[in-house]
Structure formats: structure tokens, C-alpha cells
């Protein structure tokens, strides 16, 4: 795991990322339940280095190849190619 971010707008949610994965976690009582991010055709499964949670169930993640991925819930909705190096 390279990064973990609590969602300040949804206190029972957190996101983790690492080698070829991003997981969206829900806290229910004392249990954490993960769901893998769904890349679909919007982006490639690759190593995710960093995360930032935002309003409206949005999460931003930085990928190893320099792309930034924009997530809505567990679904990838946009790729910003070559945004960072």
C-alpha cells in the first residue's frame, strides 16, 4: 500500500492504493469492507501512487505513468493523461 486517504465528506469511507490496485473501503460497525476500483475502458490497470478524496464521491489518484484518474464511487470516469511526472 502506497497511500491511504479517509474521505472527509463520507466519514465511513476510505481509499487505499498500491501495486496495480485501488480499493474503496466502507466501515460498518467494526468491520472494513473493500471494493476494487473498476477501471473499465477509461484507463489501464496500473500502480497507483497517491490519492485525494473530494466532494460528491469523487476521488483523484495519481498513476505510475503520470496519468491522473478521476473516480466516482468505485468507477473510473476520467483519465487526465500525462498530468504529472
PDB file of N, CA and C in Angstrom:
ATOM      1  N   UNK A   1       0.856  -1.180   0.000  1.00  0.00           N
ATOM      2  CA  UNK A   1       0.000   0.000   0.000  1.00  0.00           C
ATOM      3  C   UNK A   1       0.896   1.235   0.000  1.00  0.00           C
ATOM      4  N   UNK A   2       0.645   2.136  -0.979  1.00  0.00           N
ATOM      5  CA  UNK A   2       1.431   3.363  -1.091  1.00  0.00           C
ATOM      6  C   UNK A   2       0.751   4.558  -0.434  1.00  0.00           C
ATOM      7  N   UNK A   3      -0.591   4.548  -0.373  1.00  0.00           N
ATOM      8  CA  UNK A   3      -1.300   5.688   0.208  1.00  0.00           C
ATOM      9  C   UNK A   3      -2.662   5.226   0.712  1.00  0.00           C
ATOM     10  N   UNK A   4      -3.142   5.914   1.746  1.00  0.00           N
ATOM     11  CA  UNK A   4      -4.490   5.715   2.286  1.00  0.00           C
ATOM     12  C   UNK A   4      -5.071   7.096   2.531  1.00  0.00           C
ATOM     13  N   UNK A   5      -6.340   7.275   2.166  1.00  0.00           N
ATOM     14  CA  UNK A   5      -6.989   8.566   2.377  1.00  0.00           C
ATOM     15  C   UNK A   5      -8.397   8.351   2.923  1.00  0.00           C
ATOM     16  N   UNK A   6      -8.679   8.967   4.085  1.00  0.00           N
ATOM     17  CA  UNK A   6     -10.040   8.978   4.610  1.00  0.00           C
ATOM     18  C   UNK A   6     -10.827   9.998   3.821  1.00  0.00           C
ATOM     19  N   UNK A   7     -12.066   9.677   3.504  1.00  0.00           N
ATOM     20  CA  UNK A   7     -12.945  10.605   2.798  1.00  0.00           C
ATOM     21  C   UNK A   7     -13.586  11.525   3.833  1.00  0.00           C
ATOM     22  N   UNK A   8     -13.182  12.784   3.847  1.00  0.00           N
ATOM     23  CA  UNK A   8     -13.693  13.742   4.829  1.00  0.00           C
ATOM     24  C   UNK A   8     -15.174  14.052   4.624  1.00  0.00           C
ATOM     25  N   UNK A   9     -15.688  13.779   3.431  1.00  0.00           N
ATOM     26  CA  UNK A   9     -17.080  14.073   3.113  1.00  0.00           C
ATOM     27  C   UNK A   9     -17.998  12.878   3.356  1.00  0.00           C
ATOM     28  N   UNK A  10     -17.409  11.697   3.503  1.00  0.00           N
ATOM     29  CA  UNK A  10     -18.147  10.475   3.833  1.00  0.00           C
ATOM     30  C   UNK A  10     -17.367   9.770   4.936  1.00  0.00           C
ATOM     31  N   UNK A  11     -17.655  10.056   6.189  1.00  0.00           N
ATOM     32  CA  UNK A  11     -16.814   9.600   7.295  1.00  0.00           C
ATOM     33  C   UNK A  11     -16.657   8.085   7.436  1.00  0.00           C
ATOM     34  N   UNK A  12     -17.510   7.304   6.794  1.00  0.00           N
ATOM     35  CA  UNK A  12     -17.385   5.844   6.892  1.00  0.00           C
ATOM     36  C   UNK A  12     -16.657   5.244   5.684  1.00  0.00           C
ATOM     37  N   UNK A  13     -15.978   6.083   4.892  1.00  0.00           N
ATOM     38  CA  UNK A  13     -15.288   5.613   3.679  1.00  0.00           C
ATOM     39  C   UNK A  13     -13.805   5.963   3.730  1.00  0.00           C
ATOM     40  N   UNK A  14     -12.977   5.057   3.172  1.00  0.00           N
ATOM     41  CA  UNK A  14     -11.569   5.355   2.955  1.00  0.00           C
ATOM     42  C   UNK A  14     -11.126   4.663   1.682  1.00  0.00           C
ATOM     43  N   UNK A  15      -9.993   5.110   1.153  1.00  0.00           N
ATOM     44  CA  UNK A  15      -9.465   4.577  -0.104  1.00  0.00           C
ATOM     45  C   UNK A  15      -8.007   4.213   0.121  1.00  0.00           C
ATOM     46  N   UNK A  16      -7.572   3.083  -0.438  1.00  0.00           N
ATOM     47  CA  UNK A  16      -6.161   2.693  -0.390  1.00  0.00           C
ATOM     48  C   UNK A  16      -5.699   2.376  -1.807  1.00  0.00           C
ATOM     49  N   UNK A  17      -4.386   2.491  -2.015  1.00  0.00           N
ATOM     50  CA  UNK A  17      -3.850   2.199  -3.347  1.00  0.00           C
ATOM     51  C   UNK A  17      -2.454   1.612  -3.224  1.00  0.00           C
ATOM     52  N   UNK A  18      -2.014   0.992  -4.320  1.00  0.00           N
ATOM     53  CA  UNK A  18      -0.690   0.390  -4.341  1.00  0.00           C
ATOM     54  C   UNK A  18      -0.406  -0.246  -5.683  1.00  0.00           C
ATOM     55  N   UNK A  19       0.355  -1.331  -5.654  1.00  0.00           N
ATOM     56  CA  UNK A  19       0.773  -2.006  -6.879  1.00  0.00           C
ATOM     57  C   UNK A  19      -0.454  -2.589  -7.588  1.00  0.00           C
ATOM     58  N   UNK A  20      -0.777  -2.008  -8.717  1.00  0.00           N
ATOM     59  CA  UNK A  20      -1.879  -2.444  -9.579  1.00  0.00           C
ATOM     60  C   UNK A  20      -3.208  -2.595  -8.846  1.00  0.00           C
ATOM     61  N   UNK A  21      -3.491  -1.658  -7.932  1.00  0.00           N
ATOM     62  CA  UNK A  21      -4.805  -1.699  -7.300  1.00  0.00           C
ATOM     63  C   UNK A  21      -5.191  -0.356  -6.694  1.00  0.00           C
ATOM     64  N   UNK A  22      -6.493  -0.174  -6.590  1.00  0.00           N
ATOM     65  CA  UNK A  22      -7.103   0.873  -5.784  1.00  0.00           C
ATOM     66  C   UNK A  22      -8.330   0.221  -5.158  1.00  0.00           C
ATOM     67  N   UNK A  23      -8.494   0.408  -3.860  1.00  0.00           N
ATOM     68  CA  UNK A  23      -9.627  -0.192  -3.153  1.00  0.00           C
ATOM     69  C   UNK A  23     -10.376   0.893  -2.401  1.00  0.00           C
ATOM     70  N   UNK A  24     -11.689   0.780  -2.444  1.00  0.00           N
ATOM     71  CA  UNK A  24     -12.591   1.689  -1.760  1.00  0.00           C
ATOM     72  C   UNK A  24     -13.211   0.912  -0.603  1.00  0.00           C
ATOM     73  N   UNK A  25     -12.982   1.400   0.608  1.00  0.00           N
ATOM     74  CA  UNK A  25     -13.371   0.684   1.818  1.00  0.00           C
ATOM     75  C   UNK A  25     -14.568   1.366   2.481  1.00  0.00           C
ATOM     76  N   UNK A  26     -15.467   0.551   3.033  1.00  0.00           N
ATOM     77  CA  UNK A  26     -16.604   1.039   3.817  1.00  0.00           C
ATOM     78  C   UNK A  26     -16.476   0.507   5.234  1.00  0.00           C
ATOM     79  N   UNK A  27     -16.673   1.381   6.194  1.00  0.00           N
ATOM     80  CA  UNK A  27     -16.653   0.999   7.601  1.00  0.00           C
ATOM     81  C   UNK A  27     -18.088   0.802   8.065  1.00  0.00           C
ATOM     82  N   UNK A  28     -18.382  -0.412   8.520  1.00  0.00           N
ATOM     83  CA  UNK A  28     -19.704  -0.741   9.035  1.00  0.00           C
ATOM     84  C   UNK A  28     -19.505  -1.385  10.397  1.00  0.00           C
ATOM     85  N   UNK A  29     -19.831  -0.655  11.448  1.00  0.00           N
ATOM     86  CA  UNK A  29     -19.550  -1.139  12.796  1.00  0.00           C
ATOM     87  C   UNK A  29     -18.055  -1.209  12.998  1.00  0.00           C
ATOM     88  N   UNK A  30     -17.544  -2.401  13.308  1.00  0.00           N
ATOM     89  CA  UNK A  30     -16.102  -2.595  13.491  1.00  0.00           C
ATOM     90  C   UNK A  30     -15.434  -3.263  12.289  1.00  0.00           C
ATOM     91  N   UNK A  31     -16.159  -3.412  11.190  1.00  0.00           N
ATOM     92  CA  UNK A  31     -15.625  -4.125  10.026  1.00  0.00           C
ATOM     93  C   UNK A  31     -15.394  -3.183   8.848  1.00  0.00           C
ATOM     94  N   UNK A  32     -14.258  -3.380   8.179  1.00  0.00           N
ATOM     95  CA  UNK A  32     -13.961  -2.671   6.937  1.00  0.00           C
ATOM     96  C   UNK A  32     -14.206  -3.621   5.772  1.00  0.00           C
ATOM     97  N   UNK A  33     -14.968  -3.175   4.783  1.00  0.00           N
ATOM     98  CA  UNK A  33     -15.264  -3.988   3.609  1.00  0.00           C
ATOM     99  C   UNK A  33     -14.688  -3.311   2.370  1.00  0.00           C
ATOM    100  N   UNK A  34     -13.794  -4.015   1.628  1.00  0.00           N
ATOM    101  CA  UNK A  34     -13.190  -3.401   0.436  1.00  0.00           C
ATOM    102  C   UNK A  34     -13.963  -3.701  -0.849  1.00  0.00           C
ATOM    103  N   UNK A  35     -13.877  -2.766  -1.796  1.00  0.00           N
ATOM    104  CA  UNK A  35     -14.341  -2.989  -3.168  1.00  0.00           C
ATOM    105  C   UNK A  35     -13.243  -2.474  -4.080  1.00  0.00           C
ATOM    106  N   UNK A  36     -12.865  -3.288  -5.056  1.00  0.00           N
ATOM    107  CA  UNK A  36     -11.832  -2.878  -6.016  1.00  0.00           C
ATOM    108  C   UNK A  36     -12.384  -1.815  -6.954  1.00  0.00           C
ATOM    109  N   UNK A  37     -11.515  -0.872  -7.324  1.00  0.00           N
ATOM    110  CA  UNK A  37     -11.895   0.121  -8.313  1.00  0.00           C
ATOM    111  C   UNK A  37     -12.128  -0.527  -9.668  1.00  0.00           C
ATOM    112  N   UNK A  38     -13.139  -0.047 -10.385  1.00  0.00           N
ATOM    113  CA  UNK A  38     -13.485  -0.572 -11.704  1.00  0.00           C
ATOM    114  C   UNK A  38     -12.908   0.371 -12.760  1.00  0.00           C
ATOM    115  N   UNK A  39     -11.883  -0.103 -13.487  1.00  0.00           N
ATOM    116  CA  UNK A  39     -11.213   0.716 -14.494  1.00  0.00           C
ATOM    117  C   UNK A  39     -12.017   0.802 -15.786  1.00  0.00           C
ATOM    118  N   UNK A  40     -12.715  -0.262 -16.150  1.00  0.00           N
ATOM    119  CA  UNK A  40     -13.475  -0.282 -17.397  1.00  0.00           C
ATOM    120  C   UNK A  40     -12.579   0.027 -18.582  1.00  0.00           C
ATOM    121  N   UNK A  41     -13.096   0.778 -19.554  1.00  0.00           N
ATOM    122  CA  UNK A  41     -12.324   1.154 -20.742  1.00  0.00           C
ATOM    123  C   UNK A  41     -11.727   2.551 -20.611  1.00  0.00           C
ATOM    124  N   UNK A  42     -11.914   3.185 -19.449  1.00  0.00           N
ATOM    125  CA  UNK A  42     -11.481   4.569 -19.260  1.00  0.00           C
ATOM    126  C   UNK A  42      -9.998   4.686 -18.962  1.00  0.00           C
ATOM    127  N   UNK A  43      -9.396   3.644 -18.416  1.00  0.00           N
ATOM    128  CA  UNK A  43      -7.977   3.684 -18.075  1.00  0.00           C
ATOM    129  C   UNK A  43      -7.420   2.284 -17.934  1.00  0.00           C
ATOM    130  N   UNK A  44      -6.116   2.213 -17.786  1.00  0.00           N
ATOM    131  CA  UNK A  44      -5.430   0.929 -17.659  1.00  0.00           C
ATOM    132  C   UNK A  44      -5.146   0.607 -16.201  1.00  0.00           C
ATOM    133  N   UNK A  45      -5.296  -0.666 -15.850  1.00  0.00           N
ATOM    134  CA  UNK A  45      -4.920  -1.126 -14.520  1.00  0.00           C
ATOM    135  C   UNK A  45      -3.419  -0.954 -14.370  1.00  0.00           C
ATOM    136  N   UNK A  46      -3.005  -0.167 -13.405  1.00  0.00           N
ATOM    137  CA  UNK A  46      -1.587   0.049 -13.158  1.00  0.00           C
ATOM    138  C   UNK A  46      -1.371   0.455 -11.712  1.00  0.00           C
ATOM    139  N   UNK A  47      -0.127   0.644 -11.349  1.00  0.00           N
ATOM    140  CA  UNK A  47       0.213   1.012  -9.984  1.00  0.00           C
ATOM    141  C   UNK A  47      -0.259   2.434  -9.698  1.00  0.00           C
ATOM    142  N   UNK A  48      -0.963   2.582  -8.582  1.00  0.00           N
ATOM    143  CA  UNK A  48      -1.471   3.880  -8.142  1.00  0.00           C
ATOM    144  C   UNK A  48      -0.602   4.340  -6.975  1.00  0.00           C
ATOM    145  N   UNK A  49      -0.082   5.556  -7.078  1.00  0.00           N
ATOM    146  CA  UNK A  49       0.878   6.059  -6.094  1.00  0.00           C
ATOM    147  C   UNK A  49       0.266   6.930  -5.010  1.00  0.00           C
ATOM    148  N   UNK A  50      -0.780   7.704  -5.345  1.00  0.00           N
ATOM    149  CA  UNK A  50      -1.305   8.669  -4.372  1.00  0.00           C
ATOM    150  C   UNK A  50      -2.794   8.893  -4.600  1.00  0.00           C
ATOM    151  N   UNK A  51      -3.438   9.463  -3.570  1.00  0.00           N
ATOM    152  CA  UNK A  51      -4.889   9.640  -3.558  1.00  0.00           C
ATOM    153  C   UNK A  51      -5.283  10.980  -2.967  1.00  0.00           C
ATOM    154  N   UNK A  52      -6.448  11.467  -3.383  1.00  0.00           N
ATOM    155  CA  UNK A  52      -7.087  12.615  -2.739  1.00  0.00           C
ATOM    156  C   UNK A  52      -8.595  12.450  -2.895  1.00  0.00           C
ATOM    157  N   UNK A  53      -9.317  12.542  -1.788  1.00  0.00           N
ATOM    158  CA  UNK A  53     -10.774  12.447  -1.821  1.00  0.00           C
ATOM    159  C   UNK A  53     -11.361  13.849  -1.933  1.00  0.00           C
ATOM    160  N   UNK A  54     -12.495  13.953  -2.628  1.00  0.00           N
ATOM    161  CA  UNK A  54     -13.151  15.241  -2.834  1.00  0.00           C
ATOM    162  C   UNK A  54     -14.657  15.081  -2.611  1.00  0.00           C
ATOM    163  N   UNK A  55     -15.377  16.174  -2.798  1.00  0.00           N
ATOM    164  CA  UNK A  55     -16.839  16.150  -2.636  1.00  0.00           C
ATOM    165  C   UNK A  55     -17.502  15.269  -3.697  1.00  0.00           C
ATOM    166  N   UNK A  56     -18.767  14.982  -3.465  1.00  0.00           N
ATOM    167  CA  UNK A  56     -19.609  14.273  -4.439  1.00  0.00           C
ATOM    168  C   UNK A  56     -19.076  12.894  -4.820  1.00  0.00           C
ATOM    169  N   UNK A  57     -18.520  12.175  -3.853  1.00  0.00           N
ATOM    170  CA  UNK A  57     -17.995  10.815  -4.065  1.00  0.00           C
ATOM    171  C   UNK A  57     -16.861  10.757  -5.083  1.00  0.00           C
ATOM    172  N   UNK A  58     -16.147  11.864  -5.297  1.00  0.00           N
ATOM    173  CA  UNK A  58     -15.021  11.882  -6.231  1.00  0.00           C
ATOM    174  C   UNK A  58     -13.722  11.566  -5.511  1.00  0.00           C
ATOM    175  N   UNK A  59     -12.870  10.805  -6.180  1.00  0.00           N
ATOM    176  CA  UNK A  59     -11.520  10.509  -5.707  1.00  0.00           C
ATOM    177  C   UNK A  59     -10.573  10.719  -6.873  1.00  0.00           C
ATOM    178  N   UNK A  60      -9.433  11.338  -6.598  1.00  0.00           N
ATOM    179  CA  UNK A  60      -8.389  11.551  -7.600  1.00  0.00           C
ATOM    180  C   UNK A  60      -7.207  10.669  -7.225  1.00  0.00           C
ATOM    181  N   UNK A  61      -6.640   9.994  -8.225  1.00  0.00           N
ATOM    182  CA  UNK A  61      -5.479   9.150  -7.954  1.00  0.00           C
ATOM    183  C   UNK A  61      -4.400   9.407  -8.999  1.00  0.00           C
ATOM    184  N   UNK A  62      -3.157   9.343  -8.545  1.00  0.00           N
ATOM    185  CA  UNK A  62      -2.009   9.519  -9.431  1.00  0.00           C
ATOM    186  C   UNK A  62      -1.397   8.175  -9.768  1.00  0.00           C
ATOM    187  N   UNK A  63      -1.256   7.897 -11.059  1.00  0.00           N
ATOM    188  CA  UNK A  63      -0.737   6.610 -11.523  1.00  0.00           C
ATOM    189  C   UNK A  63       0.756   6.702 -11.836  1.00  0.00           C
ATOM    190  N   UNK A  64       1.394   5.557 -11.853  1.00  0.00           N
ATOM    191  CA  UNK A  64       2.831   5.459 -12.083  1.00  0.00           C
ATOM    192  C   UNK A  64       3.261   6.073 -13.417  1.00  0.00           C
ATOM    193  N   UNK A  65       2.408   5.996 -14.441  1.00  0.00           N
ATOM    194  CA  UNK A  65       2.769   6.510 -15.762  1.00  0.00           C
ATOM    195  C   UNK A  65       2.549   8.018 -15.917  1.00  0.00           C
ATOM    196  N   UNK A  66       2.103   8.699 -14.852  1.00  0.00           N
ATOM    197  CA  UNK A  66       1.888  10.140 -14.907  1.00  0.00           C
ATOM    198  C   UNK A  66       0.448  10.554 -15.127  1.00  0.00           C
ATOM    199  N   UNK A  67      -0.446   9.596 -15.339  1.00  0.00           N
ATOM    200  CA  UNK A  67      -1.859   9.923 -15.516  1.00  0.00           C
ATOM    201  C   UNK A  67      -2.515  10.201 -14.162  1.00  0.00           C
ATOM    202  N   UNK A  68      -3.545  11.031 -14.187  1.00  0.00           N
ATOM    203  CA  UNK A  68      -4.411  11.209 -13.021  1.00  0.00           C
ATOM    204  C   UNK A  68      -5.756  10.602 -13.376  1.00  0.00           C
ATOM    205  N   UNK A  69      -6.256   9.768 -12.484  1.00  0.00           N
ATOM    206  CA  UNK A  69      -7.548   9.127 -12.672  1.00  0.00           C
ATOM    207  C   UNK A  69      -8.567   9.813 -11.769  1.00  0.00           C
ATOM    208  N   UNK A  70      -9.773  10.018 -12.310  1.00  0.00           N
ATOM    209  CA  UNK A  70     -10.878  10.601 -11.552  1.00  0.00           C
ATOM    210  C   UNK A  70     -11.925   9.507 -11.368  1.00  0.00           C
ATOM    211  N   UNK A  71     -12.284   9.248 -10.111  1.00  0.00           N
ATOM    212  CA  UNK A  71     -13.206   8.177  -9.749  1.00  0.00           C
ATOM    213  C   UNK A  71     -14.495   8.763  -9.200  1.00  0.00           C
ATOM    214  N   UNK A  72     -15.618   8.150  -9.532  1.00  0.00           N
ATOM    215  CA  UNK A  72     -16.920   8.460  -8.930  1.00  0.00           C
ATOM    216  C   UNK A  72     -17.373   7.177  -8.264  1.00  0.00           C
ATOM    217  N   UNK A  73     -17.393   7.177  -6.930  1.00  0.00           N
ATOM    218  CA  UNK A  73     -17.625   5.917  -6.232  1.00  0.00           C
ATOM    219  C   UNK A  73     -16.462   4.991  -6.532  1.00  0.00           C
ATOM    220  N   UNK A  74     -16.747   3.780  -6.998  1.00  0.00           N
ATOM    221  CA  UNK A  74     -15.674   2.825  -7.319  1.00  0.00           C
ATOM    222  C   UNK A  74     -15.346   2.799  -8.811  1.00  0.00           C
ATOM    223  N   UNK A  75     -16.009   3.639  -9.608  1.00  0.00           N
ATOM    224  CA  UNK A  75     -15.848   3.607 -11.062  1.00  0.00           C
ATOM    225  C   UNK A  75     -14.947   4.723 -11.576  1.00  0.00           C
ATOM    226  N   UNK A  76     -14.018   4.362 -12.441  1.00  0.00           N
ATOM    227  CA  UNK A  76     -13.156   5.337 -13.097  1.00  0.00           C
ATOM    228  C   UNK A  76     -13.976   6.060 -14.158  1.00  0.00           C
ATOM    229  N   UNK A  77     -14.032   7.407 -14.068  1.00  0.00           N
ATOM    230  CA  UNK A  77     -14.861   8.162 -15.010  1.00  0.00           C
ATOM    231  C   UNK A  77     -14.045   9.038 -15.953  1.00  0.00           C
ATOM    232  N   UNK A  78     -12.761   9.270 -15.636  1.00  0.00           N
ATOM    233  CA  UNK A  78     -11.959  10.149 -16.489  1.00  0.00           C
ATOM    234  C   UNK A  78     -10.480   9.875 -16.275  1.00  0.00           C
ATOM    235  N   UNK A  79      -9.702   9.995 -17.346  1.00  0.00           N
ATOM    236  CA  UNK A  79      -8.248   9.911 -17.272  1.00  0.00           C
ATOM    237  C   UNK A  79      -7.661  11.208 -17.800  1.00  0.00           C
ATOM    238  N   UNK A  80      -6.786  11.819 -17.019  1.00  0.00           N
ATOM    239  CA  UNK A  80      -6.045  13.003 -17.455  1.00  0.00           C
ATOM    240  C   UNK A  80      -4.635  12.514 -17.746  1.00  0.00           C
ATOM    241  N   UNK A  81      -4.310  12.379 -19.028  1.00  0.00           N
ATOM    242  CA  UNK A  81      -3.051  11.756 -19.418  1.00  0.00           C
ATOM    243  C   UNK A  81      -1.861  12.688 -19.213  1.00  0.00           C
ATOM    244  N   UNK A  82      -0.775  12.110 -18.713  1.00  0.00           N
ATOM    245  CA  UNK A  82       0.487  12.830 -18.557  1.00  0.00           C
ATOM    246  C   UNK A  82       0.415  14.047 -17.662  1.00  0.00           C
ATOM    247  N   UNK A  83      -0.424  14.004 -16.647  1.00  0.00           N
ATOM    248  CA  UNK A  83      -0.627  15.171 -15.785  1.00  0.00           C
ATOM    249  C   UNK A  83       0.518  15.414 -14.808  1.00  0.00           C
ATOM    250  N   UNK A  84       1.249  14.376 -14.464  1.00  0.00           N
ATOM    251  CA  UNK A  84       2.388  14.556 -13.551  1.00  0.00           C
ATOM    252  C   UNK A  84       3.506  13.593 -13.937  1.00  0.00           C
ATOM    253  N   UNK A  85       4.694  13.908 -13.479  1.00  0.00           N
ATOM    254  CA  UNK A  85       5.836  13.038 -13.775  1.00  0.00           C
ATOM    255  C   UNK A  85       6.611  12.742 -12.523  1.00  0.00           C
TER     256      UNK A  85
END
